[in-house]
Amino acid sequence: LSAIFYFSYNSLNPWLQGLTAGDAWYMKALSMIISPVLFVILLITTIFLYTILGTIIASPFLDFLSSKTEEIYSGISPDADLSFTESIKDIIRTTKNAIKLLVLLLFLNLALLFLNLIPGGAFIYAFLNFFFTAFFYGFQFFDYPLEKRFYSFREKLRICWRFKFTLSGNGTAFFLMSFIPVAGFLGLNSATVGAAISFKKYIEPALEKKGA
């Protein structure tokens, strides 16, 4: 994935810079933002692909880990053991959700690109970009306890946005941990356990109180 990022950047950047050649002010503005924007988009895509692949491969184990964490925390098992067929369905469901999240994240990034054209907009773009990335990272780990409650994807987004800072904190921790060689793979486990505990401690009581 690192090699794909490296060669993609070094191939696309000169080509895109060539498309913005000219003396017009908007061409110069585009030329200035192409490199950092391309870097951010490729970085997010690469890390997200890493996360998607890791999540798909580890999904049955992370689902079990999430359930076991809830059981230990509350003393009550949330569901029965998954069969092989149910595990396959879980992998398919995880893949679909991951793809939906990737498309949504890329759409938001494209929508935010215009911020780079205003003074100081690059800083706002960087902040919002990081926040949404962290939020979506956290979403995939909170997806396990939410899926056990049979929420739809739209309902999950609504609930997760309500607790966006909790999810972003979880996602940020995973994001930073993923940069640590070898040990970064433990980030999937740590984030899953953290999401399960946070869900039982903060989100589920709030949902029950509100009747969501």
N, C-alpha and C. Protein backbone atom coordinates (compact mmCIF):
# COMPACT_ATOMS: atom_id res chain seq x y z
N LEU A 1 0.82 -1.21 0.00
CA LEU A 1 0.00 0.00 0.00
C LEU A 1 0.86 1.26 0.00
N SER A 2 1.97 1.21 0.72
CA SER A 2 2.88 2.35 0.72
C SER A 2 3.48 2.57 -0.66
N ALA A 3 3.79 1.48 -1.36
CA ALA A 3 4.33 1.59 -2.72
C ALA A 3 3.29 2.16 -3.67
N ILE A 4 2.03 1.72 -3.51
CA ILE A 4 0.95 2.26 -4.34
C ILE A 4 0.81 3.76 -4.13
N PHE A 5 0.88 4.18 -2.86
CA PHE A 5 0.79 5.62 -2.54
C PHE A 5 1.93 6.38 -3.20
N TYR A 6 3.14 5.87 -3.07
CA TYR A 6 4.34 6.55 -3.59
C TYR A 6 4.26 6.72 -5.11
N PHE A 7 3.98 5.64 -5.82
CA PHE A 7 3.95 5.70 -7.28
C PHE A 7 2.74 6.46 -7.80
N SER A 8 1.63 6.38 -7.08
CA SER A 8 0.44 7.13 -7.49
C SER A 8 0.68 8.64 -7.38
N TYR A 9 1.29 9.05 -6.29
CA TYR A 9 1.55 10.48 -6.09
C TYR A 9 2.53 11.00 -7.13
N ASN A 10 3.62 10.26 -7.34
CA ASN A 10 4.65 10.71 -8.28
C ASN A 10 4.21 10.63 -9.73
N SER A 11 3.15 9.89 -10.01
CA SER A 11 2.62 9.82 -11.37
C SER A 11 1.53 10.86 -11.60
N LEU A 12 0.64 11.00 -10.62
CA LEU A 12 -0.49 11.90 -10.78
C LEU A 12 -0.13 13.37 -10.59
N ASN A 13 0.77 13.67 -9.66
CA ASN A 13 1.09 15.07 -9.37
C ASN A 13 1.64 15.82 -10.58
N PRO A 14 2.68 15.29 -11.29
CA PRO A 14 3.17 16.01 -12.48
C PRO A 14 2.09 16.16 -13.56
N TRP A 15 1.27 15.12 -13.72
CA TRP A 15 0.21 15.17 -14.74
C TRP A 15 -0.81 16.25 -14.41
N LEU A 16 -1.23 16.31 -13.15
CA LEU A 16 -2.20 17.32 -12.74
C LEU A 16 -1.61 18.72 -12.79
N GLN A 17 -0.34 18.85 -12.43
CA GLN A 17 0.32 20.15 -12.51
C GLN A 17 0.38 20.64 -13.96
N GLY A 18 0.57 19.69 -14.88
CA GLY A 18 0.61 20.05 -16.30
C GLY A 18 -0.73 20.56 -16.80
N LEU A 19 -1.82 20.06 -16.22
CA LEU A 19 -3.15 20.50 -16.63
C LEU A 19 -3.46 21.92 -16.17
N THR A 20 -2.74 22.40 -15.17
CA THR A 20 -3.00 23.74 -14.62
C THR A 20 -1.98 24.76 -15.09
N ALA A 21 -1.21 24.42 -16.12
CA ALA A 21 -0.22 25.37 -16.65
C ALA A 21 -0.94 26.57 -17.26
N GLY A 22 -0.47 27.76 -16.93
CA GLY A 22 -1.08 28.98 -17.46
C GLY A 22 -0.85 30.15 -16.52
N ASP A 23 -1.11 31.36 -17.01
CA ASP A 23 -0.87 32.56 -16.21
C ASP A 23 -2.12 33.07 -15.50
N ALA A 24 -3.26 32.46 -15.77
CA ALA A 24 -4.50 32.90 -15.13
C ALA A 24 -4.41 32.66 -13.62
N TRP A 25 -5.05 33.55 -12.85
CA TRP A 25 -4.95 33.49 -11.40
C TRP A 25 -5.53 32.19 -10.85
N TYR A 26 -6.63 31.72 -11.48
CA TYR A 26 -7.25 30.50 -10.97
C TYR A 26 -6.39 29.27 -11.28
N MET A 27 -5.62 29.33 -12.38
CA MET A 27 -4.71 28.24 -12.68
C MET A 27 -3.57 28.19 -11.66
N LYS A 28 -3.07 29.36 -11.30
CA LYS A 28 -2.01 29.42 -10.28
C LYS A 28 -2.53 28.93 -8.93
N ALA A 29 -3.79 29.31 -8.62
CA ALA A 29 -4.38 28.88 -7.34
C ALA A 29 -4.54 27.36 -7.32
N LEU A 30 -5.02 26.81 -8.43
CA LEU A 30 -5.18 25.35 -8.51
C LEU A 30 -3.83 24.65 -8.43
N SER A 31 -2.82 25.25 -9.07
CA SER A 31 -1.49 24.66 -9.06
C SER A 31 -0.93 24.59 -7.64
N MET A 32 -1.26 25.59 -6.82
CA MET A 32 -0.76 25.64 -5.45
C MET A 32 -1.40 24.58 -4.55
N ILE A 33 -2.66 24.27 -4.80
CA ILE A 33 -3.36 23.35 -3.89
C ILE A 33 -3.36 21.90 -4.38
N ILE A 34 -2.95 21.67 -5.63
CA ILE A 34 -3.00 20.31 -6.17
C ILE A 34 -2.16 19.34 -5.36
N SER A 35 -0.90 19.70 -5.10
CA SER A 35 0.01 18.78 -4.42
C SER A 35 -0.48 18.41 -3.01
N PRO A 36 -0.80 19.39 -2.14
CA PRO A 36 -1.25 19.01 -0.79
C PRO A 36 -2.58 18.27 -0.79
N VAL A 37 -3.49 18.67 -1.68
CA VAL A 37 -4.80 18.01 -1.73
C VAL A 37 -4.64 16.58 -2.23
N LEU A 38 -3.83 16.39 -3.28
CA LEU A 38 -3.58 15.04 -3.79
C LEU A 38 -2.92 14.17 -2.73
N PHE A 39 -1.98 14.76 -1.99
CA PHE A 39 -1.30 14.02 -0.93
C PHE A 39 -2.30 13.55 0.12
N VAL A 40 -3.18 14.45 0.55
CA VAL A 40 -4.17 14.11 1.58
C VAL A 40 -5.14 13.04 1.10
N ILE A 41 -5.64 13.20 -0.14
CA ILE A 41 -6.60 12.25 -0.69
C ILE A 41 -5.99 10.86 -0.81
N LEU A 42 -4.75 10.80 -1.35
CA LEU A 42 -4.09 9.51 -1.50
C LEU A 42 -3.76 8.89 -0.14
N LEU A 43 -3.38 9.74 0.81
CA LEU A 43 -3.07 9.24 2.15
C LEU A 43 -4.31 8.63 2.80
N ILE A 44 -5.42 9.36 2.71
CA ILE A 44 -6.68 8.87 3.29
C ILE A 44 -7.12 7.58 2.60
N THR A 45 -7.03 7.56 1.27
CA THR A 45 -7.43 6.37 0.52
C THR A 45 -6.57 5.17 0.88
N THR A 46 -5.26 5.39 0.99
CA THR A 46 -4.34 4.30 1.32
C THR A 46 -4.61 3.75 2.71
N ILE A 47 -4.75 4.65 3.67
CA ILE A 47 -4.99 4.21 5.05
C ILE A 47 -6.36 3.56 5.16
N PHE A 48 -7.33 4.11 4.42
CA PHE A 48 -8.67 3.52 4.47
C PHE A 48 -8.68 2.14 3.84
N LEU A 49 -7.93 1.95 2.75
CA LEU A 49 -7.84 0.63 2.13
C LEU A 49 -7.19 -0.36 3.10
N TYR A 50 -6.15 0.15 3.80
CA TYR A 50 -5.49 -0.68 4.82
C TYR A 50 -6.50 -1.08 5.90
N THR A 51 -7.31 -0.12 6.30
CA THR A 51 -8.30 -0.38 7.33
C THR A 51 -9.38 -1.33 6.84
N ILE A 52 -9.85 -1.11 5.59
CA ILE A 52 -10.89 -1.96 5.03
C ILE A 52 -10.40 -3.40 4.92
N LEU A 53 -9.21 -3.58 4.34
CA LEU A 53 -8.67 -4.93 4.19
C LEU A 53 -8.47 -5.61 5.54
N GLY A 54 -7.91 -4.84 6.48
CA GLY A 54 -7.69 -5.40 7.81
C GLY A 54 -8.99 -5.75 8.51
N THR A 55 -9.99 -4.89 8.35
CA THR A 55 -11.28 -5.12 8.99
C THR A 55 -12.00 -6.32 8.38
N ILE A 56 -11.94 -6.45 7.03
CA ILE A 56 -12.59 -7.57 6.37
C ILE A 56 -11.97 -8.89 6.82
N ILE A 57 -10.63 -8.92 6.83
CA ILE A 57 -9.93 -10.14 7.23
C ILE A 57 -10.21 -10.48 8.69
N ALA A 58 -10.21 -9.44 9.53
CA ALA A 58 -10.35 -9.66 10.97
C ALA A 58 -11.78 -9.60 11.47
N SER A 59 -12.74 -9.32 10.57
CA SER A 59 -14.12 -9.08 10.97
C SER A 59 -14.71 -10.14 11.90
N PRO A 60 -14.61 -11.44 11.55
CA PRO A 60 -15.20 -12.45 12.45
C PRO A 60 -14.57 -12.43 13.84
N PHE A 61 -13.27 -12.16 13.89
CA PHE A 61 -12.57 -12.14 15.17
C PHE A 61 -12.90 -10.88 15.95
N LEU A 62 -12.99 -9.75 15.24
CA LEU A 62 -13.32 -8.49 15.91
C LEU A 62 -14.76 -8.51 16.41
N ASP A 63 -15.64 -9.14 15.66
CA ASP A 63 -17.04 -9.27 16.10
C ASP A 63 -17.11 -10.08 17.38
N PHE A 64 -16.35 -11.18 17.42
CA PHE A 64 -16.29 -11.99 18.64
C PHE A 64 -15.68 -11.19 19.79
N LEU A 65 -14.62 -10.44 19.50
CA LEU A 65 -13.94 -9.64 20.52
C LEU A 65 -14.88 -8.58 21.09
N SER A 66 -15.66 -7.96 20.19
CA SER A 66 -16.63 -6.95 20.64
C SER A 66 -17.69 -7.57 21.55
N SER A 67 -18.21 -8.72 21.14
CA SER A 67 -19.23 -9.41 21.95
C SER A 67 -18.67 -9.83 23.30
N LYS A 68 -17.46 -10.36 23.28
CA LYS A 68 -16.84 -10.82 24.52
C LYS A 68 -16.57 -9.66 25.46
N THR A 69 -16.17 -8.51 24.88
CA THR A 69 -15.93 -7.32 25.70
C THR A 69 -17.21 -6.86 26.38
N GLU A 70 -18.32 -6.84 25.62
CA GLU A 70 -19.61 -6.47 26.20
C GLU A 70 -20.01 -7.45 27.30
N GLU A 71 -19.76 -8.73 27.06
CA GLU A 71 -20.12 -9.75 28.04
C GLU A 71 -19.34 -9.56 29.33
N ILE A 72 -18.04 -9.32 29.22
CA ILE A 72 -17.20 -9.13 30.41
C ILE A 72 -17.58 -7.85 31.14
N TYR A 73 -17.85 -6.80 30.36
CA TYR A 73 -18.16 -5.50 30.96
C TYR A 73 -19.50 -5.52 31.71
N SER A 74 -20.51 -6.13 31.09
CA SER A 74 -21.86 -6.11 31.67
C SER A 74 -22.23 -7.39 32.39
N GLY A 75 -21.49 -8.48 32.10
CA GLY A 75 -21.83 -9.76 32.70
C GLY A 75 -22.96 -10.46 31.99
N ILE A 76 -23.39 -9.90 30.84
CA ILE A 76 -24.48 -10.48 30.07
C ILE A 76 -24.03 -10.65 28.63
N SER A 77 -24.18 -11.84 28.10
CA SER A 77 -23.81 -12.10 26.70
C SER A 77 -24.86 -11.50 25.79
N PRO A 78 -24.48 -10.62 24.83
CA PRO A 78 -25.47 -9.95 23.99
C PRO A 78 -26.11 -10.84 22.95
N ASP A 79 -25.45 -11.92 22.55
CA ASP A 79 -26.03 -12.81 21.55
C ASP A 79 -25.37 -14.17 21.61
N ALA A 80 -25.89 -15.10 20.84
CA ALA A 80 -25.34 -16.45 20.80
C ALA A 80 -24.12 -16.49 19.89
N ASP A 81 -23.38 -17.59 19.96
CA ASP A 81 -22.21 -17.75 19.11
C ASP A 81 -22.64 -17.75 17.65
N LEU A 82 -21.80 -17.12 16.81
CA LEU A 82 -22.11 -17.03 15.39
C LEU A 82 -21.77 -18.33 14.69
N SER A 83 -22.62 -18.74 13.74
CA SER A 83 -22.32 -19.90 12.92
C SER A 83 -21.42 -19.47 11.77
N PHE A 84 -20.94 -20.45 11.00
CA PHE A 84 -20.08 -20.13 9.86
C PHE A 84 -20.82 -19.27 8.85
N THR A 85 -22.08 -19.62 8.57
CA THR A 85 -22.89 -18.86 7.62
C THR A 85 -23.08 -17.42 8.08
N GLU A 86 -23.35 -17.25 9.36
CA GLU A 86 -23.54 -15.91 9.91
C GLU A 86 -22.24 -15.13 9.86
N SER A 87 -21.11 -15.80 10.02
CA SER A 87 -19.81 -15.13 9.94
C SER A 87 -19.56 -14.61 8.53
N ILE A 88 -19.94 -15.42 7.51
CA ILE A 88 -19.79 -14.99 6.12
C ILE A 88 -20.67 -13.78 5.84
N LYS A 89 -21.91 -13.83 6.35
CA LYS A 89 -22.82 -12.69 6.19
C LYS A 89 -22.24 -11.45 6.86
N ASP A 90 -21.58 -11.65 8.00
CA ASP A 90 -20.98 -10.54 8.74
C ASP A 90 -19.86 -9.91 7.92
N ILE A 91 -19.06 -10.73 7.26
CA ILE A 91 -17.98 -10.22 6.42
C ILE A 91 -18.54 -9.42 5.25
N ILE A 92 -19.59 -9.94 4.62
CA ILE A 92 -20.22 -9.23 3.50
C ILE A 92 -20.79 -7.89 3.97
N ARG A 93 -21.45 -7.93 5.12
CA ARG A 93 -22.02 -6.69 5.68
C ARG A 93 -20.94 -5.68 6.00
N THR A 94 -19.83 -6.13 6.58
CA THR A 94 -18.72 -5.25 6.92
C THR A 94 -18.12 -4.62 5.66
N THR A 95 -17.99 -5.42 4.61
CA THR A 95 -17.44 -4.92 3.36
C THR A 95 -18.34 -3.85 2.76
N LYS A 96 -19.64 -4.10 2.74
CA LYS A 96 -20.58 -3.11 2.21
C LYS A 96 -20.52 -1.80 2.99
N ASN A 97 -20.50 -1.90 4.32
CA ASN A 97 -20.43 -0.70 5.14
C ASN A 97 -19.14 0.05 4.92
N ALA A 98 -18.03 -0.69 4.79
CA ALA A 98 -16.73 -0.05 4.57
C ALA A 98 -16.72 0.70 3.24
N ILE A 99 -17.30 0.11 2.21
CA ILE A 99 -17.36 0.76 0.90
C ILE A 99 -18.23 2.02 0.97
N LYS A 100 -19.37 1.91 1.66
CA LYS A 100 -20.24 3.08 1.83
C LYS A 100 -19.51 4.20 2.54
N LEU A 101 -18.76 3.85 3.58
CA LEU A 101 -18.01 4.86 4.33
C LEU A 101 -16.94 5.50 3.47
N LEU A 102 -16.25 4.70 2.66
CA LEU A 102 -15.21 5.24 1.79
C LEU A 102 -15.79 6.21 0.78
N VAL A 103 -16.92 5.83 0.16
CA VAL A 103 -17.56 6.71 -0.82
C VAL A 103 -18.01 8.01 -0.16
N LEU A 104 -18.60 7.90 1.03
CA LEU A 104 -19.07 9.08 1.74
C LEU A 104 -17.91 9.99 2.13
N LEU A 105 -16.81 9.40 2.57
CA LEU A 105 -15.64 10.18 2.96
C LEU A 105 -15.04 10.90 1.76
N LEU A 106 -14.91 10.22 0.64
CA LEU A 106 -14.37 10.85 -0.57
C LEU A 106 -15.29 11.96 -1.06
N PHE A 107 -16.61 11.75 -0.96
CA PHE A 107 -17.57 12.78 -1.37
C PHE A 107 -17.40 14.03 -0.50
N LEU A 108 -17.26 13.83 0.81
CA LEU A 108 -17.07 14.97 1.72
C LEU A 108 -15.76 15.70 1.42
N ASN A 109 -14.71 14.94 1.09
CA ASN A 109 -13.43 15.56 0.76
C ASN A 109 -13.54 16.42 -0.50
N LEU A 110 -14.25 15.92 -1.49
CA LEU A 110 -14.43 16.68 -2.72
C LEU A 110 -15.23 17.96 -2.45
N ALA A 111 -16.24 17.84 -1.57
CA ALA A 111 -17.05 18.99 -1.23
C ALA A 111 -16.26 20.04 -0.47
N LEU A 112 -15.28 19.59 0.32
CA LEU A 112 -14.48 20.50 1.14
C LEU A 112 -13.31 21.12 0.39
N LEU A 113 -13.02 20.61 -0.81
CA LEU A 113 -11.87 21.11 -1.56
C LEU A 113 -11.95 22.62 -1.84
N PHE A 114 -13.18 23.11 -1.99
CA PHE A 114 -13.36 24.52 -2.31
C PHE A 114 -12.87 25.44 -1.18
N LEU A 115 -12.73 24.89 0.03
CA LEU A 115 -12.24 25.70 1.15
C LEU A 115 -10.81 26.16 0.91
N ASN A 116 -10.06 25.40 0.09
CA ASN A 116 -8.67 25.75 -0.17
C ASN A 116 -8.53 27.00 -1.04
N LEU A 117 -9.64 27.43 -1.63
CA LEU A 117 -9.60 28.60 -2.51
C LEU A 117 -9.82 29.90 -1.77
N ILE A 118 -10.15 29.84 -0.47
CA ILE A 118 -10.35 31.06 0.31
C ILE A 118 -9.20 31.24 1.29
N PRO A 119 -8.90 32.47 1.69
CA PRO A 119 -7.80 32.71 2.64
C PRO A 119 -8.01 31.95 3.95
N GLY A 120 -7.01 31.19 4.35
CA GLY A 120 -7.11 30.43 5.58
C GLY A 120 -7.94 29.16 5.45
N GLY A 121 -8.47 28.93 4.27
CA GLY A 121 -9.34 27.77 4.07
C GLY A 121 -8.60 26.44 4.17
N ALA A 122 -7.29 26.47 3.87
CA ALA A 122 -6.52 25.23 3.92
C ALA A 122 -6.48 24.66 5.34
N PHE A 123 -6.43 25.55 6.33
CA PHE A 123 -6.41 25.10 7.73
C PHE A 123 -7.76 24.51 8.12
N ILE A 124 -8.84 25.16 7.66
CA ILE A 124 -10.18 24.65 7.94
C ILE A 124 -10.38 23.30 7.27
N TYR A 125 -9.88 23.20 6.02
CA TYR A 125 -9.98 21.95 5.28
C TYR A 125 -9.24 20.82 6.00
N ALA A 126 -8.02 21.13 6.45
CA ALA A 126 -7.22 20.11 7.13
C ALA A 126 -7.91 19.63 8.41
N PHE A 127 -8.48 20.58 9.16
CA PHE A 127 -9.16 20.21 10.41
C PHE A 127 -10.39 19.35 10.14
N LEU A 128 -11.26 19.80 9.22
CA LEU A 128 -12.48 19.06 8.93
C LEU A 128 -12.15 17.70 8.31
N ASN A 129 -11.13 17.68 7.47
CA ASN A 129 -10.72 16.44 6.84
C ASN A 129 -10.30 15.41 7.88
N PHE A 130 -9.49 15.85 8.83
CA PHE A 130 -9.02 14.95 9.88
C PHE A 130 -10.18 14.50 10.76
N PHE A 131 -11.09 15.43 11.08
CA PHE A 131 -12.22 15.10 11.95
C PHE A 131 -13.11 14.04 11.30
N PHE A 132 -13.46 14.24 10.03
CA PHE A 132 -14.33 13.28 9.35
C PHE A 132 -13.64 11.93 9.20
N THR A 133 -12.32 11.96 8.93
CA THR A 133 -11.59 10.70 8.81
C THR A 133 -11.60 9.95 10.13
N ALA A 134 -11.34 10.65 11.22
CA ALA A 134 -11.36 10.03 12.55
C ALA A 134 -12.75 9.51 12.89
N PHE A 135 -13.78 10.27 12.51
CA PHE A 135 -15.16 9.86 12.77
C PHE A 135 -15.48 8.55 12.06
N PHE A 136 -15.09 8.45 10.80
CA PHE A 136 -15.40 7.25 10.03
C PHE A 136 -14.55 6.06 10.47
N TYR A 137 -13.35 6.32 10.93
CA TYR A 137 -12.57 5.23 11.53
C TYR A 137 -13.30 4.68 12.74
N GLY A 138 -13.75 5.60 13.61
CA GLY A 138 -14.47 5.17 14.81
C GLY A 138 -15.77 4.46 14.47
N PHE A 139 -16.42 4.90 13.41
CA PHE A 139 -17.71 4.31 13.02
C PHE A 139 -17.60 2.81 12.81
N GLN A 140 -16.54 2.37 12.13
CA GLN A 140 -16.45 0.95 11.80
C GLN A 140 -16.29 0.07 13.03
N PHE A 141 -15.75 0.63 14.12
CA PHE A 141 -15.60 -0.16 15.34
C PHE A 141 -16.87 -0.15 16.19
N PHE A 142 -17.61 0.95 16.14
CA PHE A 142 -18.89 1.01 16.83
C PHE A 142 -19.97 0.27 16.04
N ASP A 143 -19.65 -0.05 14.81
CA ASP A 143 -20.60 -0.78 13.96
C ASP A 143 -20.91 -2.16 14.52
N TYR A 144 -19.94 -2.77 15.22
CA TYR A 144 -20.16 -4.12 15.75
C TYR A 144 -21.28 -4.16 16.79
N PRO A 145 -21.24 -3.34 17.84
CA PRO A 145 -22.36 -3.38 18.80
C PRO A 145 -23.67 -2.86 18.21
N LEU A 146 -23.59 -1.91 17.28
CA LEU A 146 -24.81 -1.40 16.66
C LEU A 146 -25.45 -2.44 15.76
N GLU A 147 -24.62 -3.21 15.06
CA GLU A 147 -25.15 -4.25 14.18
C GLU A 147 -25.89 -5.32 14.98
N LYS A 148 -25.41 -5.59 16.19
CA LYS A 148 -26.06 -6.60 17.03
C LYS A 148 -27.46 -6.15 17.46
N ARG A 149 -27.68 -4.85 17.41
CA ARG A 149 -29.01 -4.32 17.77
C ARG A 149 -29.88 -4.13 16.53
N PHE A 150 -29.39 -4.59 15.36
CA PHE A 150 -30.16 -4.59 14.11
C PHE A 150 -30.53 -3.19 13.63
N TYR A 151 -29.63 -2.22 13.83
CA TYR A 151 -29.85 -0.88 13.29
C TYR A 151 -29.50 -0.86 11.80
N SER A 152 -30.23 -0.07 11.02
CA SER A 152 -29.90 0.09 9.61
C SER A 152 -28.69 1.02 9.48
N PHE A 153 -28.12 1.08 8.29
CA PHE A 153 -26.94 1.93 8.08
C PHE A 153 -27.26 3.40 8.36
N ARG A 154 -28.44 3.83 7.92
CA ARG A 154 -28.86 5.22 8.16
C ARG A 154 -29.03 5.49 9.66
N GLU A 155 -29.62 4.55 10.37
CA GLU A 155 -29.80 4.71 11.82
C GLU A 155 -28.45 4.73 12.54
N LYS A 156 -27.54 3.92 12.07
CA LYS A 156 -26.19 3.90 12.65
C LYS A 156 -25.52 5.27 12.49
N LEU A 157 -25.64 5.83 11.29
CA LEU A 157 -25.04 7.15 11.04
C LEU A 157 -25.65 8.20 11.97
N ARG A 158 -26.97 8.14 12.14
CA ARG A 158 -27.65 9.11 13.01
C ARG A 158 -27.17 8.99 14.45
N ILE A 159 -27.08 7.76 14.95
CA ILE A 159 -26.62 7.54 16.32
C ILE A 159 -25.16 7.93 16.49
N CYS A 160 -24.35 7.52 15.53
CA CYS A 160 -22.92 7.81 15.63
C CYS A 160 -22.63 9.30 15.54
N TRP A 161 -23.41 10.02 14.73
CA TRP A 161 -23.20 11.46 14.64
C TRP A 161 -23.60 12.15 15.95
N ARG A 162 -24.57 11.59 16.62
CA ARG A 162 -24.98 12.13 17.93
C ARG A 162 -23.82 12.01 18.92
N PHE A 163 -23.05 10.95 18.80
CA PHE A 163 -21.90 10.73 19.69
C PHE A 163 -20.59 10.86 18.91
N LYS A 164 -20.55 11.87 18.04
CA LYS A 164 -19.44 12.04 17.11
C LYS A 164 -18.09 12.22 17.79
N PHE A 165 -18.05 12.89 18.94
CA PHE A 165 -16.77 13.12 19.60
C PHE A 165 -16.23 11.83 20.24
N THR A 166 -17.13 10.98 20.70
CA THR A 166 -16.72 9.68 21.23
C THR A 166 -16.13 8.84 20.12
N LEU A 167 -16.80 8.82 18.96
CA LEU A 167 -16.30 8.06 17.82
C LEU A 167 -14.98 8.63 17.30
N SER A 168 -14.89 9.95 17.24
CA SER A 168 -13.68 10.58 16.73
C SER A 168 -12.48 10.31 17.63
N GLY A 169 -12.72 10.26 18.93
CA GLY A 169 -11.64 9.94 19.86
C GLY A 169 -11.12 8.53 19.62
N ASN A 170 -12.06 7.60 19.43
CA ASN A 170 -11.69 6.22 19.14
C ASN A 170 -10.95 6.13 17.81
N GLY A 171 -11.47 6.82 16.79
CA GLY A 171 -10.85 6.80 15.47
C GLY A 171 -9.48 7.43 15.45
N THR A 172 -9.29 8.51 16.22
CA THR A 172 -7.99 9.18 16.28
C THR A 172 -6.95 8.26 16.91
N ALA A 173 -7.33 7.57 17.98
CA ALA A 173 -6.41 6.64 18.63
C ALA A 173 -5.98 5.54 17.67
N PHE A 174 -6.95 5.01 16.91
CA PHE A 174 -6.62 3.97 15.94
C PHE A 174 -5.72 4.53 14.84
N PHE A 175 -6.05 5.73 14.35
CA PHE A 175 -5.29 6.37 13.28
C PHE A 175 -3.82 6.53 13.67
N LEU A 176 -3.59 7.03 14.88
CA LEU A 176 -2.22 7.24 15.35
C LEU A 176 -1.50 5.91 15.58
N MET A 177 -2.23 4.94 16.11
CA MET A 177 -1.62 3.64 16.39
C MET A 177 -1.27 2.90 15.11
N SER A 178 -2.01 3.15 14.03
CA SER A 178 -1.78 2.45 12.78
C SER A 178 -0.45 2.80 12.14
N PHE A 179 0.17 3.91 12.58
CA PHE A 179 1.46 4.31 12.04
C PHE A 179 2.62 3.59 12.71
N ILE A 180 2.34 2.88 13.80
CA ILE A 180 3.41 2.17 14.51
C ILE A 180 3.66 0.83 13.81
N PRO A 181 4.86 0.60 13.29
CA PRO A 181 5.13 -0.66 12.59
C PRO A 181 4.83 -1.87 13.47
N VAL A 182 4.27 -2.91 12.86
CA VAL A 182 3.94 -4.18 13.50
C VAL A 182 2.87 -4.00 14.58
N ALA A 183 3.16 -3.17 15.58
CA ALA A 183 2.21 -2.97 16.68
C ALA A 183 0.93 -2.30 16.20
N GLY A 184 1.00 -1.67 15.01
CA GLY A 184 -0.18 -1.01 14.49
C GLY A 184 -1.34 -1.95 14.25
N PHE A 185 -1.04 -3.23 13.99
CA PHE A 185 -2.10 -4.19 13.77
C PHE A 185 -2.93 -4.41 15.03
N LEU A 186 -2.34 -4.14 16.19
CA LEU A 186 -3.08 -4.27 17.44
C LEU A 186 -4.12 -3.16 17.58
N GLY A 187 -3.99 -2.13 16.73
CA GLY A 187 -4.95 -1.03 16.79
C GLY A 187 -6.37 -1.49 16.53
N LEU A 188 -6.55 -2.47 15.64
CA LEU A 188 -7.88 -3.01 15.36
C LEU A 188 -8.50 -3.60 16.62
N ASN A 189 -7.68 -4.35 17.38
CA ASN A 189 -8.18 -4.97 18.61
C ASN A 189 -8.48 -3.92 19.68
N SER A 190 -7.54 -2.99 19.87
CA SER A 190 -7.71 -1.96 20.89
C SER A 190 -8.93 -1.08 20.60
N ALA A 191 -9.09 -0.69 19.34
CA ALA A 191 -10.22 0.16 18.97
C ALA A 191 -11.54 -0.57 19.12
N THR A 192 -11.56 -1.87 18.81
CA THR A 192 -12.78 -2.66 18.95
C THR A 192 -13.19 -2.78 20.41
N VAL A 193 -12.23 -3.06 21.28
CA VAL A 193 -12.51 -3.17 22.72
C VAL A 193 -12.96 -1.82 23.26
N GLY A 194 -12.25 -0.75 22.87
CA GLY A 194 -12.62 0.59 23.33
C GLY A 194 -14.02 0.99 22.89
N ALA A 195 -14.38 0.64 21.65
CA ALA A 195 -15.71 0.98 21.13
C ALA A 195 -16.80 0.22 21.88
N ALA A 196 -16.54 -1.06 22.16
CA ALA A 196 -17.53 -1.88 22.88
C ALA A 196 -17.79 -1.33 24.28
N ILE A 197 -16.71 -0.96 24.98
CA ILE A 197 -16.85 -0.41 26.34
C ILE A 197 -17.55 0.94 26.31
N SER A 198 -17.14 1.80 25.36
CA SER A 198 -17.77 3.12 25.25
C SER A 198 -19.25 3.00 24.92
N PHE A 199 -19.57 2.02 24.07
CA PHE A 199 -20.98 1.83 23.71
C PHE A 199 -21.79 1.43 24.94
N LYS A 200 -21.30 0.47 25.71
CA LYS A 200 -22.02 0.01 26.88
C LYS A 200 -22.10 1.08 27.97
N LYS A 201 -21.04 1.88 28.07
CA LYS A 201 -20.95 2.84 29.16
C LYS A 201 -21.68 4.14 28.86
N TYR A 202 -21.64 4.60 27.62
CA TYR A 202 -22.18 5.92 27.30
C TYR A 202 -23.36 5.88 26.32
N ILE A 203 -23.21 5.15 25.23
CA ILE A 203 -24.19 5.25 24.15
C ILE A 203 -25.46 4.47 24.45
N GLU A 204 -25.33 3.21 24.83
CA GLU A 204 -26.52 2.39 25.09
C GLU A 204 -27.41 2.98 26.19
N PRO A 205 -26.86 3.44 27.33
CA PRO A 205 -27.74 4.05 28.34
C PRO A 205 -28.46 5.29 27.82
N ALA A 206 -27.78 6.08 26.98
CA ALA A 206 -28.41 7.27 26.44
C ALA A 206 -29.52 6.91 25.45
N LEU A 207 -29.30 5.85 24.66
CA LEU A 207 -30.32 5.40 23.71
C LEU A 207 -31.53 4.84 24.45
N GLU A 208 -31.30 4.09 25.50
CA GLU A 208 -32.40 3.51 26.27
C GLU A 208 -33.20 4.60 26.98
N LYS A 209 -32.49 5.63 27.44
CA LYS A 209 -33.17 6.73 28.13
C LYS A 209 -34.05 7.51 27.18
N LYS A 210 -33.54 7.68 25.93
CA LYS A 210 -34.29 8.44 24.94
C LYS A 210 -35.32 7.58 24.22
N GLY A 211 -35.10 6.23 24.32
CA GLY A 211 -36.01 5.32 23.64
C GLY A 211 -35.70 5.16 22.18
N ALA A 212 -34.38 5.37 21.81
CA ALA A 212 -33.99 5.27 20.41
C ALA A 212 -33.89 3.82 19.99
